Protein backbone atom coordinates (compact mmCIF):
# COMPACT_ATOMS: atom_id res chain seq x y z
CA MET A 1 2.73 -10.75 117.98
CA ARG A 2 1.06 -12.23 114.31
CA ARG A 3 0.35 -16.21 114.67
CA ARG A 4 2.26 -18.06 111.85
CA ASP A 5 -0.21 -20.18 110.14
CA PRO A 6 0.55 -23.96 110.65
CA ASP A 7 2.56 -26.20 108.19
CA PRO A 8 -0.11 -28.06 106.02
CA GLN A 9 1.56 -31.52 106.47
CA GLY A 10 2.70 -30.73 109.96
CA GLU A 11 1.53 -31.43 113.37
CA ASP A 12 -1.33 -28.88 112.98
CA GLY A 13 -1.40 -29.05 109.24
CA VAL A 14 -4.74 -29.02 107.86
CA LEU A 15 -4.71 -32.71 106.66
CA GLU A 16 -3.85 -33.77 110.06
CA GLU A 17 -6.97 -31.28 111.27
CA ILE A 18 -9.33 -32.95 109.13
CA ALA A 19 -8.16 -36.62 109.85
CA ARG A 20 -8.66 -35.65 113.68
CA ARG A 21 -12.05 -34.27 113.43
CA THR A 22 -13.29 -37.28 111.31
CA ARG A 23 -11.31 -39.88 113.37
CA ALA A 24 -13.10 -38.25 116.48
CA MET A 25 -16.88 -38.32 114.41
CA GLN A 26 -16.60 -42.11 113.61
CA GLU A 27 -15.27 -42.81 116.90
CA SER A 28 -18.33 -41.34 118.65
CA ASP A 29 -20.57 -42.52 115.97
CA GLY A 30 -19.57 -45.93 114.08
CA SER A 31 -22.57 -44.94 111.51
CA ILE A 32 -20.07 -41.87 110.04
CA LEU A 33 -19.61 -42.63 106.02
CA PRO A 34 -16.73 -41.23 104.25
CA PRO A 35 -17.91 -39.17 100.97
CA LEU A 36 -18.17 -40.58 97.49
CA LEU A 37 -16.42 -39.44 95.10
CA LEU A 38 -17.81 -39.06 91.61
CA LEU A 39 -14.99 -38.34 88.74
CA GLY A 40 -15.16 -38.06 85.17
CA VAL A 41 -12.82 -38.16 82.60
CA MET A 42 -14.66 -35.34 81.13
CA GLU A 43 -18.22 -33.35 81.19
CA ARG A 44 -21.02 -35.22 79.60
CA VAL A 45 -20.22 -38.65 80.43
CA GLY A 46 -23.35 -39.39 82.49
CA SER A 47 -22.50 -38.03 85.62
CA ASN A 48 -26.07 -36.76 86.16
CA TRP A 49 -27.83 -40.01 85.98
CA VAL A 50 -25.39 -41.78 88.32
CA SER A 51 -26.23 -38.67 90.56
CA ASP A 52 -29.81 -39.13 90.10
CA THR A 53 -29.84 -43.10 90.76
CA LEU A 54 -28.57 -42.53 93.96
CA ARG A 55 -30.20 -38.99 95.09
CA PRO A 56 -32.79 -41.24 97.27
CA VAL A 57 -30.07 -42.57 99.23
CA THR A 58 -27.24 -40.14 99.34
CA GLY A 59 -26.75 -36.13 100.21
CA GLN A 60 -25.40 -34.81 97.00
CA HIS A 61 -22.77 -31.80 96.11
CA ASN A 62 -22.38 -30.91 92.48
CA GLU A 63 -18.66 -29.71 91.90
CA PRO A 64 -18.07 -28.12 95.03
CA PHE A 65 -14.49 -28.04 94.93
CA ARG A 66 -14.56 -26.00 91.56
CA LYS A 67 -17.29 -23.99 92.40
CA GLN A 68 -16.91 -22.63 96.08
CA VAL A 69 -13.62 -20.95 95.62
CA SER A 70 -12.83 -18.08 93.17
CA PRO A 71 -10.73 -18.72 90.22
CA ALA A 72 -7.89 -16.57 91.61
CA HIS A 73 -7.79 -18.95 94.71
CA GLN A 74 -4.54 -20.98 95.02
CA LEU A 75 -6.37 -24.46 95.02
CA SER A 76 -8.96 -23.20 91.98
CA ALA A 77 -8.80 -25.84 88.88
CA LEU A 78 -9.50 -22.41 87.16
CA ASN A 79 -6.27 -20.38 88.14
CA PRO A 80 -3.29 -20.68 86.18
CA GLY A 81 -0.78 -19.82 88.80
CA ILE A 82 -2.65 -23.38 90.76
CA MET A 83 -0.60 -25.14 93.68
CA SER A 84 -0.71 -28.82 95.35
CA LEU A 85 -2.37 -28.70 98.68
CA GLU A 86 1.03 -28.78 100.40
CA ALA A 87 2.30 -25.61 98.68
CA ALA A 88 -0.96 -23.51 99.08
CA GLY A 89 -1.61 -24.81 103.05
CA PRO A 90 0.43 -22.01 104.51
CA ARG A 91 -0.96 -19.27 102.33
CA LEU A 92 -4.32 -20.06 102.94
CA GLY A 93 -4.84 -17.94 106.00
CA HIS A 94 -6.83 -18.86 108.99
CA TYR A 95 -10.01 -18.24 107.05
CA GLY A 96 -9.32 -20.20 104.34
CA ARG A 97 -7.99 -22.95 106.68
CA HIS A 98 -11.15 -23.23 108.68
CA TRP A 99 -13.17 -23.65 105.20
CA LEU A 100 -10.79 -26.03 104.03
CA VAL A 101 -11.32 -27.83 107.24
CA THR A 102 -15.06 -27.54 107.27
CA PHE A 103 -15.26 -28.27 103.68
CA ALA A 104 -14.15 -31.80 103.79
CA ALA A 105 -15.08 -33.03 107.05
CA GLY A 106 -18.86 -31.50 106.90
CA LYS A 107 -18.84 -34.08 104.20
CA TYR A 108 -18.29 -36.75 106.63
CA ALA A 109 -21.84 -38.22 107.84
CA PRO A 110 -24.62 -41.18 108.56
CA VAL A 111 -25.99 -40.40 105.11
CA ARG A 112 -23.49 -41.33 102.35
CA GLN A 113 -22.52 -37.74 100.38
CA VAL A 114 -21.89 -37.64 96.99
CA ILE A 115 -19.11 -35.14 95.43
CA LYS A 116 -19.51 -34.76 91.96
CA GLU A 117 -16.20 -33.37 90.53
CA THR A 118 -15.84 -33.82 86.61
CA ASN A 119 -13.63 -31.04 85.59
CA LEU A 120 -10.73 -30.43 87.87
CA PHE A 121 -7.82 -31.45 85.73
CA PHE A 122 -4.56 -30.30 87.93
CA GLU A 123 -6.51 -29.64 91.19
CA LEU A 124 -7.82 -33.53 91.49
CA PRO A 125 -4.89 -34.52 93.77
CA ALA A 126 -5.73 -31.95 96.52
CA LEU A 127 -9.52 -33.65 96.14
CA LEU A 128 -8.35 -37.07 96.49
CA ALA A 129 -5.98 -36.24 99.38
CA LEU A 130 -8.73 -34.12 101.36
CA PHE A 131 -10.81 -37.37 101.03
CA PRO A 132 -8.09 -40.10 101.11
CA ASP A 133 -10.44 -43.15 102.63
CA SER A 134 -13.60 -41.90 100.11
CA PRO A 135 -14.53 -44.54 97.76
CA VAL A 136 -13.92 -43.39 93.71
CA MET A 137 -16.26 -43.91 90.77
CA VAL A 138 -14.81 -43.22 87.52
CA LEU A 139 -16.98 -42.18 84.96
CA THR A 140 -15.83 -42.51 81.07
CA ARG A 141 -17.61 -41.70 78.01
CA SER A 142 -16.13 -42.53 74.23
CA PRO A 143 -14.64 -39.06 72.85
CA LEU A 144 -17.00 -39.35 70.19
CA GLY A 145 -20.28 -39.26 72.58
CA VAL A 146 -18.66 -36.37 74.47
CA ALA A 147 -18.03 -34.87 71.07
CA SER A 148 -21.82 -35.40 69.85
CA SER A 149 -22.83 -34.13 72.97
CA PHE A 150 -21.14 -31.08 73.11
CA ALA A 151 -21.97 -30.27 69.55
CA ARG A 152 -25.89 -30.71 70.05
CA GLY A 153 -25.88 -27.98 72.95
CA ASP A 154 -22.87 -25.53 71.53
CA LEU A 155 -21.56 -26.57 75.01
CA PHE A 156 -18.00 -25.19 73.85
CA ARG A 157 -19.22 -21.93 72.89
CA ARG A 158 -21.59 -21.97 75.84
CA TRP A 159 -19.34 -23.07 78.53
CA ASP A 160 -16.44 -21.02 77.08
CA TYR A 161 -13.78 -23.90 76.81
CA ARG A 162 -11.70 -22.24 74.61
CA ALA A 163 -10.81 -19.86 77.50
CA ARG A 164 -10.93 -23.44 79.69
CA TYR A 165 -8.01 -24.60 76.88
CA ARG A 166 -6.15 -21.39 77.42
CA GLN A 167 -6.11 -22.23 81.19
CA MET A 168 -4.38 -25.55 80.41
CA THR A 169 -2.24 -24.05 78.17
CA ALA A 170 -0.99 -21.29 80.85
CA ILE A 171 -0.83 -24.35 83.54
CA THR A 172 1.20 -26.39 81.45
CA SER A 173 3.85 -23.44 80.28
CA ARG A 174 4.98 -23.95 83.94
CA ALA A 175 7.95 -25.94 84.97
CA VAL A 176 6.31 -27.82 87.24
CA PHE A 177 3.65 -29.19 84.43
CA ARG A 178 5.46 -28.74 81.56
CA GLN A 179 5.63 -32.64 81.15
CA TRP A 180 1.79 -32.29 80.17
CA ALA A 181 2.38 -29.71 77.43
CA ALA A 182 2.40 -31.83 74.63
CA VAL A 183 -1.01 -33.02 75.10
CA VAL A 184 -2.28 -29.11 75.04
CA PRO A 185 -0.18 -27.02 72.37
CA ASP A 186 -0.45 -23.48 72.22
CA ASP A 187 -1.46 -23.43 68.37
CA ASP A 188 -4.95 -22.20 68.66
CA PRO A 189 -6.84 -25.62 67.29
CA PRO A 190 -10.29 -26.03 66.07
CA ASP A 191 -13.06 -26.63 68.50
CA LEU A 192 -13.36 -29.87 68.03
CA ALA A 193 -9.67 -30.68 68.10
CA ALA A 194 -9.16 -28.80 71.52
CA LEU A 195 -11.99 -30.47 73.23
CA ALA A 196 -10.13 -33.78 72.50
CA ARG A 197 -7.73 -32.57 73.51
CA LEU A 198 -8.89 -31.46 76.82
CA GLN A 199 -10.31 -35.09 77.25
CA VAL A 200 -7.22 -36.68 76.42
CA LEU A 201 -5.71 -34.44 79.47
CA ASN A 202 -8.01 -35.05 81.88
CA THR A 203 -7.96 -38.77 81.64
CA LEU A 204 -4.12 -38.64 81.93
CA LEU A 205 -4.50 -36.45 84.81
CA LEU A 206 -7.12 -38.93 86.49
CA ALA A 207 -5.27 -41.96 86.05
CA ARG A 208 -1.84 -40.49 87.18
CA ALA A 209 -3.76 -39.10 90.42
CA LEU A 210 -5.70 -42.51 91.15
CA GLN A 211 -2.20 -44.25 90.54
CA ASP A 212 -0.53 -42.06 92.97
CA ARG A 213 -3.09 -42.94 95.42
CA GLY A 214 -2.42 -46.29 95.39
CA SER A 215 -5.04 -48.74 97.06
CA VAL A 216 -6.53 -46.82 99.35
CA GLY A 217 -9.97 -46.69 99.34
CA GLU A 218 -12.59 -48.69 96.71
CA SER A 219 -13.03 -47.91 93.20
CA ALA A 220 -14.59 -48.61 90.20
CA VAL A 221 -15.37 -47.63 86.73
CA ILE A 222 -18.57 -47.17 84.67
CA ARG A 223 -18.71 -46.66 81.07
CA TYR A 224 -21.42 -44.72 79.79
CA GLU A 225 -22.14 -46.90 76.89
CA THR A 226 -22.02 -50.06 79.37
CA ALA A 227 -24.62 -47.76 81.74
CA VAL A 228 -27.18 -47.58 78.46
CA LEU A 229 -26.76 -50.71 77.02
CA ASP A 230 -26.40 -52.61 80.34
CA PRO A 231 -27.93 -50.67 83.22
CA ALA A 232 -27.56 -53.84 85.51
CA ALA A 233 -23.58 -53.82 85.00
CA ALA A 234 -23.47 -50.08 85.73
CA ARG A 235 -25.81 -50.77 89.07
CA ALA A 236 -23.78 -53.62 90.04
CA GLN A 237 -20.29 -51.18 90.42
CA LEU A 238 -22.73 -48.47 92.42
CA ALA A 239 -23.48 -51.19 94.55
CA ARG A 240 -20.28 -52.19 95.45
CA LEU A 241 -19.42 -48.79 96.58
CA VAL A 242 -22.81 -47.92 98.32
CA PRO A 243 -23.32 -51.22 99.92
CA GLU A 244 -25.92 -49.49 102.48
CA ALA A 245 -27.97 -48.73 99.74
CA PRO A 246 -30.49 -51.58 99.94
CA GLY A 247 -31.44 -53.02 96.32
CA LEU A 248 -29.19 -50.48 94.03
CA GLY A 249 -27.88 -53.65 92.64
CA THR A 250 -30.88 -55.43 91.53
CA LEU A 251 -33.91 -53.25 90.33
CA PRO A 252 -35.61 -54.92 88.02
CA GLY A 253 -37.02 -54.21 84.64
CA MET A 254 -38.74 -51.25 84.29
CA ALA A 255 -37.37 -49.60 88.02
CA ALA A 256 -34.21 -50.37 86.50
CA ALA A 257 -34.92 -48.44 83.40
CA ALA A 258 -36.55 -45.30 85.20
CA LEU A 259 -33.52 -44.77 87.09
CA PHE A 260 -31.50 -44.75 84.04
CA GLY A 261 -33.84 -42.43 82.06
CA GLU A 262 -34.75 -45.52 79.23
CA THR A 263 -38.48 -46.16 78.60
CA PRO A 264 -39.80 -49.95 78.15
CA PHE A 265 -41.05 -49.23 75.13
CA PRO A 266 -38.75 -49.25 71.41
CA GLY A 267 -38.15 -46.43 69.40
CA GLN A 268 -38.59 -43.82 72.60
CA HIS A 269 -36.33 -42.34 75.42
CA HIS A 270 -36.27 -39.37 77.41
CA CYS A 271 -33.19 -37.35 76.76
CA GLY A 272 -35.25 -33.63 77.61
CA PRO A 273 -38.20 -32.06 77.43
CA THR A 274 -39.29 -34.11 74.58
CA ALA A 275 -38.76 -37.81 73.19
CA GLY A 276 -37.49 -38.68 69.63
CA PRO A 277 -36.12 -41.97 67.85
CA SER A 278 -33.91 -43.85 69.83
CA ARG A 279 -30.49 -43.07 69.53
CA THR A 280 -27.12 -45.41 69.67
CA ALA A 281 -25.22 -45.93 73.21
CA THR A 282 -22.39 -43.18 71.71
CA ASP A 283 -24.72 -40.26 71.44
CA ARG A 284 -27.69 -41.29 73.35
CA ASP A 285 -27.55 -38.16 76.08
CA TYR A 286 -30.18 -38.94 78.89
CA GLY A 287 -29.66 -35.25 79.94
CA VAL A 288 -26.26 -35.85 80.89
């Protein structure tokens, strides 16, 4: 007789199994830590310099949830037929279930792991459900700064954001997500308008997901502009969520500048292969 896959929210559900495994790990080793979730309102919000700052004291996982599932997967952020974790659970099959449980439980370790995801849109609630006790760092940036970064790198075309926009219009045409349809109307907008709408949509979805999560887990916000103009304030926020990292919030002078890709010499910065004239906090890129 074919074994029936368990209900994801029942006694043998995916989330229950993850919770049992992580609880057993923490009971056997009190140094086990949940991962830090590094989330953004959009791409190009400074996630690379945050990752670089934390790399000496943490493990790094760059968009694993988005990249490690196929576009047709029930939990893929690229799938117009995307499902909630509750709906997808019974359809995962044994191997899919094993991968999801291992994916989540494997991020709990004595050395803090960082999971960077800046582009999940409607799949963000599933990620938060997999890591209910994780601290969350939210990265924001002015839409003008994001648009400037995209324009300089021709990223809308190179990263096929036109297809990303069409995915969002397809998703929001479904009844369960129709409340978001007004944010991304299917009117074939110019590139800049489409990019701005996507950032607004992702920001709203992120805010809703964190509101639904409630007060579980620590959280903090770092504005890209603050990180550029006042690195000490940004480091203090990081130190609050990663308290086990010695000296993270107290790095002085040139050490702090090096961490954030800055240079102590006026009129210069390190934004890529070459240095050029100093930019404002809005458009300085720091390779993010």
